[in-house]
Amino acid sequence: RGLRFADLDEGMALWDLYVRESQRQVTALGARAFEMRYEDFLADPLPHLRSLVDFIGLDVADDELARSVTDVDPSRAFPFLGDPELEELAERHVDRLRDFGYRPTGVLP
């Protein structure tokens, strides 16, 4: 058999496996782990970047952080929207997506 992600459903299963494992790792690491959802960062990058910078202990001025996020494009958050094949994939895996806080339309709860 070919690559595990040779079709979209297999890719979704692999994504599920990776996210579940990352959640186990975050839980095990506790305060030593930092977790950020990509879509949350894209929607409002400055506070998320500030949280990351604070977590790793860097001293970065707010104006520097603000300059660093000027090119962040929030429209990149849910690129599958508008693609009928990918929207259908999301519908087929609605339970899996909901487990991670997503709705099939790509809108976060």
Protein backbone atom coordinates (compact mmCIF):
# COMPACT_ATOMS: atom_id res chain seq x y z
CA ARG A 1 0.00 0.00 0.00
CA GLY A 2 1.19 3.54 -0.76
CA LEU A 3 1.71 6.47 1.51
CA ARG A 4 -0.61 6.67 4.49
CA PHE A 5 -1.86 10.08 3.36
CA ALA A 6 -2.37 9.10 -0.27
CA ASP A 7 -6.02 10.08 0.03
CA LEU A 8 -7.74 12.82 1.99
CA ASP A 9 -9.46 10.53 4.48
CA GLU A 10 -6.14 8.89 5.35
CA GLY A 11 -4.61 12.35 5.68
CA MET A 12 -7.37 13.32 8.10
CA ALA A 13 -6.74 10.17 10.14
CA LEU A 14 -3.03 10.99 10.29
CA TRP A 15 -3.79 14.58 11.34
CA ASP A 16 -6.03 13.21 14.09
CA LEU A 17 -3.24 10.94 15.31
CA TYR A 18 -0.74 13.79 15.37
CA VAL A 19 -3.04 16.21 17.19
CA ARG A 20 -4.03 13.63 19.80
CA GLU A 21 -0.37 12.82 20.43
CA SER A 22 0.51 16.51 20.70
CA GLN A 23 -2.28 16.94 23.25
CA ARG A 24 -0.86 14.04 25.29
CA GLN A 25 2.57 15.67 25.17
CA VAL A 26 1.21 19.06 26.24
CA THR A 27 -0.60 17.43 29.15
CA ALA A 28 2.53 15.54 30.19
CA LEU A 29 4.71 18.66 30.01
CA GLY A 30 2.25 20.84 31.89
CA ALA A 31 3.60 24.35 32.40
CA ARG A 32 6.66 23.52 30.28
CA ALA A 33 4.49 23.34 27.13
CA PHE A 34 3.02 26.09 25.03
CA GLU A 35 0.04 25.43 22.81
CA MET A 36 -1.38 27.75 20.20
CA ARG A 37 -3.95 27.08 17.52
CA TYR A 38 -2.82 28.35 14.11
CA GLU A 39 -6.25 29.76 13.31
CA ASP A 40 -6.36 31.69 16.59
CA PHE A 41 -2.98 33.21 15.85
CA LEU A 42 -4.09 34.28 12.38
CA ALA A 43 -7.30 35.81 13.71
CA ASP A 44 -5.55 37.95 16.34
CA PRO A 45 -1.78 37.57 16.06
CA LEU A 46 -0.47 40.20 18.45
CA PRO A 47 -1.74 38.79 21.77
CA HIS A 48 -0.83 35.26 20.71
CA LEU A 49 2.69 36.29 19.75
CA ARG A 50 2.98 38.19 23.05
CA SER A 51 1.98 35.03 24.92
CA LEU A 52 4.61 33.02 23.08
CA VAL A 53 7.34 35.62 23.64
CA ASP A 54 6.47 35.78 27.34
CA PHE A 55 6.44 31.97 27.57
CA ILE A 56 9.96 31.67 26.21
CA GLY A 57 11.20 34.57 28.31
CA LEU A 58 12.15 37.06 25.62
CA ASP A 59 12.05 40.77 26.30
CA VAL A 60 10.41 42.24 23.19
CA ALA A 61 8.71 45.61 23.08
CA ASP A 62 5.08 45.76 22.02
CA ASP A 63 5.90 47.97 19.03
CA GLU A 64 8.41 45.40 17.78
CA LEU A 65 5.83 42.64 18.09
CA ALA A 66 3.24 44.77 16.31
CA ARG A 67 5.62 45.33 13.40
CA SER A 68 6.34 41.61 13.19
CA VAL A 69 2.70 40.67 12.63
CA THR A 70 1.77 43.27 10.01
CA ASP A 71 1.90 40.72 7.19
CA VAL A 72 -0.14 38.04 8.95
CA ASP A 73 -3.06 37.16 6.69
CA PRO A 74 -6.16 36.01 8.61
CA SER A 75 -7.70 34.66 5.41
CA ARG A 76 -5.17 31.80 5.55
CA ALA A 77 -6.96 30.33 8.58
CA PHE A 78 -9.40 28.05 6.77
CA PRO A 79 -8.19 27.61 3.20
CA PHE A 80 -10.41 24.58 2.64
CA LEU A 81 -13.54 26.74 2.68
CA GLY A 82 -14.85 27.17 -0.81
CA ASP A 83 -13.31 23.92 -2.03
CA PRO A 84 -16.22 21.46 -2.40
CA GLU A 85 -14.03 18.36 -2.06
CA LEU A 86 -12.43 19.62 1.15
CA GLU A 87 -15.71 20.85 2.59
CA GLU A 88 -17.14 17.37 1.97
CA LEU A 89 -14.11 15.88 3.73
CA ALA A 90 -14.81 18.11 6.74
CA GLU A 91 -18.43 16.97 6.78
CA ARG A 92 -17.37 13.30 6.70
CA HIS A 93 -15.07 13.90 9.66
CA VAL A 94 -17.28 16.27 11.63
CA ASP A 95 -16.92 14.29 14.89
CA ARG A 96 -13.14 14.23 14.61
CA LEU A 97 -13.06 17.97 13.93
CA ARG A 98 -15.39 18.72 16.84
CA ASP A 99 -13.07 16.77 19.16
CA PHE A 100 -10.52 19.52 18.51
CA GLY A 101 -12.93 22.44 18.72
CA TYR A 102 -13.68 22.87 15.03
CA ARG A 103 -16.98 22.96 13.23
CA PRO A 104 -17.12 21.71 9.66
CA THR A 105 -17.53 25.21 8.32
CA GLY A 106 -14.15 26.07 9.77
CA VAL A 107 -15.56 28.52 12.27
CA LEU A 108 -14.13 28.11 15.72
CA PRO A 109 -16.60 27.67 18.58
